[in-house]
């Protein structure tokens, strides 16, 4: 029984939105499940998909909070 965990920052996918839409989540669930079927022959009904929307302040990389990392990258700073 496959378990897929998708984590994204809770920012929305368009200006002014603070989260993904139900339609976007449904598309991710369908696509991830279909990929398991196509690649590993795992039946759709046995594949579990969980989407975690993580607040941006709880997300980081490069040793920095995500928003600071993005600001520095946009400014051309390491």
C-alpha atoms as a PDB file:
ATOM      1  CA  UNK A   1       0.000   0.000   0.000  1.00  0.00           C
ATOM      2  CA  UNK A   2       1.809   3.136  -1.190  1.00  0.00           C
ATOM      3  CA  UNK A   3       1.746   6.258   0.943  1.00  0.00           C
ATOM      4  CA  UNK A   4       2.657   9.535  -0.752  1.00  0.00           C
ATOM      5  CA  UNK A   5       3.232  12.687   1.287  1.00  0.00           C
ATOM      6  CA  UNK A   6       3.300  15.949  -0.663  1.00  0.00           C
ATOM      7  CA  UNK A   7       4.488  18.988   1.252  1.00  0.00           C
ATOM      8  CA  UNK A   8       4.108  22.492  -0.123  1.00  0.00           C
ATOM      9  CA  UNK A   9       4.348  25.915   1.413  1.00  0.00           C
ATOM     10  CA  UNK A  10       1.018  27.478   2.300  1.00  0.00           C
ATOM     11  CA  UNK A  11       1.181  30.384  -0.105  1.00  0.00           C
ATOM     12  CA  UNK A  12      -1.485  29.688  -2.631  1.00  0.00           C
ATOM     13  CA  UNK A  13      -0.852  29.452  -6.322  1.00  0.00           C
ATOM     14  CA  UNK A  14      -1.932  32.922  -7.331  1.00  0.00           C
ATOM     15  CA  UNK A  15      -1.641  36.418  -5.867  1.00  0.00           C
ATOM     16  CA  UNK A  16      -3.968  36.981  -2.949  1.00  0.00           C
ATOM     17  CA  UNK A  17      -4.496  33.289  -2.216  1.00  0.00           C
ATOM     18  CA  UNK A  18      -3.205  31.723   0.971  1.00  0.00           C
ATOM     19  CA  UNK A  19      -3.713  28.062   0.116  1.00  0.00           C
ATOM     20  CA  UNK A  20      -4.139  25.642  -2.739  1.00  0.00           C
ATOM     21  CA  UNK A  21      -7.636  25.164  -4.096  1.00  0.00           C
ATOM     22  CA  UNK A  22      -9.578  21.939  -3.671  1.00  0.00           C
ATOM     23  CA  UNK A  23      -9.281  21.428  -7.435  1.00  0.00           C
ATOM     24  CA  UNK A  24      -5.482  21.742  -7.310  1.00  0.00           C
ATOM     25  CA  UNK A  25      -5.306  19.276  -4.432  1.00  0.00           C
ATOM     26  CA  UNK A  26      -7.561  16.840  -6.287  1.00  0.00           C
ATOM     27  CA  UNK A  27      -5.305  17.109  -9.352  1.00  0.00           C
ATOM     28  CA  UNK A  28      -2.201  16.373  -7.244  1.00  0.00           C
ATOM     29  CA  UNK A  29      -3.873  13.367  -5.640  1.00  0.00           C
ATOM     30  CA  UNK A  30      -5.021  12.019  -9.005  1.00  0.00           C
ATOM     31  CA  UNK A  31      -1.656  12.626 -10.659  1.00  0.00           C
ATOM     32  CA  UNK A  32       0.433  11.091  -7.865  1.00  0.00           C
ATOM     33  CA  UNK A  33      -1.854   8.065  -7.695  1.00  0.00           C
ATOM     34  CA  UNK A  34      -1.748   7.616 -11.458  1.00  0.00           C
ATOM     35  CA  UNK A  35       2.055   7.798 -11.395  1.00  0.00           C
ATOM     36  CA  UNK A  36       2.184   4.936  -8.875  1.00  0.00           C
ATOM     37  CA  UNK A  37      -0.116   2.921 -11.135  1.00  0.00           C
ATOM     38  CA  UNK A  38       1.897   3.674 -14.284  1.00  0.00           C
ATOM     39  CA  UNK A  39       5.370   3.143 -12.815  1.00  0.00           C
ATOM     40  CA  UNK A  40       4.878   0.511 -10.108  1.00  0.00           C
ATOM     41  CA  UNK A  41       1.525  -1.023 -11.094  1.00  0.00           C
ATOM     42  CA  UNK A  42       0.024  -0.049  -7.728  1.00  0.00           C
ATOM     43  CA  UNK A  43      -3.784   0.051  -7.853  1.00  0.00           C
ATOM     44  CA  UNK A  44      -5.393   3.455  -7.361  1.00  0.00           C
ATOM     45  CA  UNK A  45      -7.541   2.166  -4.526  1.00  0.00           C
ATOM     46  CA  UNK A  46      -4.492   1.106  -2.501  1.00  0.00           C
ATOM     47  CA  UNK A  47      -2.570   4.377  -2.843  1.00  0.00           C
ATOM     48  CA  UNK A  48      -2.874   6.978  -0.090  1.00  0.00           C
ATOM     49  CA  UNK A  49      -1.914  10.601  -0.729  1.00  0.00           C
ATOM     50  CA  UNK A  50      -1.576  13.255   1.977  1.00  0.00           C
ATOM     51  CA  UNK A  51      -0.977  16.918   1.198  1.00  0.00           C
ATOM     52  CA  UNK A  52       0.581  19.041   3.940  1.00  0.00           C
ATOM     53  CA  UNK A  53       0.491  22.791   3.472  1.00  0.00           C
ATOM     54  CA  UNK A  54       3.297  24.134   5.629  1.00  0.00           C
ATOM     55  CA  UNK A  55       3.307  27.766   6.778  1.00  0.00           C
ATOM     56  CA  UNK A  56       6.122  29.600   5.003  1.00  0.00           C
ATOM     57  CA  UNK A  57       7.713  30.577   8.321  1.00  0.00           C
ATOM     58  CA  UNK A  58       8.149  26.848   9.041  1.00  0.00           C
ATOM     59  CA  UNK A  59       9.955  26.184   5.758  1.00  0.00           C
ATOM     60  CA  UNK A  60      13.581  26.906   4.976  1.00  0.00           C
ATOM     61  CA  UNK A  61      16.584  25.869   2.959  1.00  0.00           C
ATOM     62  CA  UNK A  62      20.138  26.959   2.502  1.00  0.00           C
ATOM     63  CA  UNK A  63      20.301  27.698   6.220  1.00  0.00           C
ATOM     64  CA  UNK A  64      17.659  30.422   5.933  1.00  0.00           C
ATOM     65  CA  UNK A  65      13.922  30.828   6.314  1.00  0.00           C
ATOM     66  CA  UNK A  66      12.285  30.391   2.905  1.00  0.00           C
ATOM     67  CA  UNK A  67      11.297  34.023   2.380  1.00  0.00           C
ATOM     68  CA  UNK A  68      14.792  35.295   3.271  1.00  0.00           C
ATOM     69  CA  UNK A  69      16.364  32.722   0.955  1.00  0.00           C
ATOM     70  CA  UNK A  70      14.105  33.905  -1.871  1.00  0.00           C
ATOM     71  CA  UNK A  71      14.873  37.579  -1.174  1.00  0.00           C
ATOM     72  CA  UNK A  72      18.598  36.921  -1.311  1.00  0.00           C
ATOM     73  CA  UNK A  73      18.314  34.833  -4.460  1.00  0.00           C
ATOM     74  CA  UNK A  74      16.223  37.520  -6.153  1.00  0.00           C
ATOM     75  CA  UNK A  75      18.827  40.148  -5.180  1.00  0.00           C
ATOM     76  CA  UNK A  76      21.617  37.958  -6.578  1.00  0.00           C
ATOM     77  CA  UNK A  77      23.151  37.418  -3.137  1.00  0.00           C
ATOM     78  CA  UNK A  78      24.453  34.060  -1.911  1.00  0.00           C
END
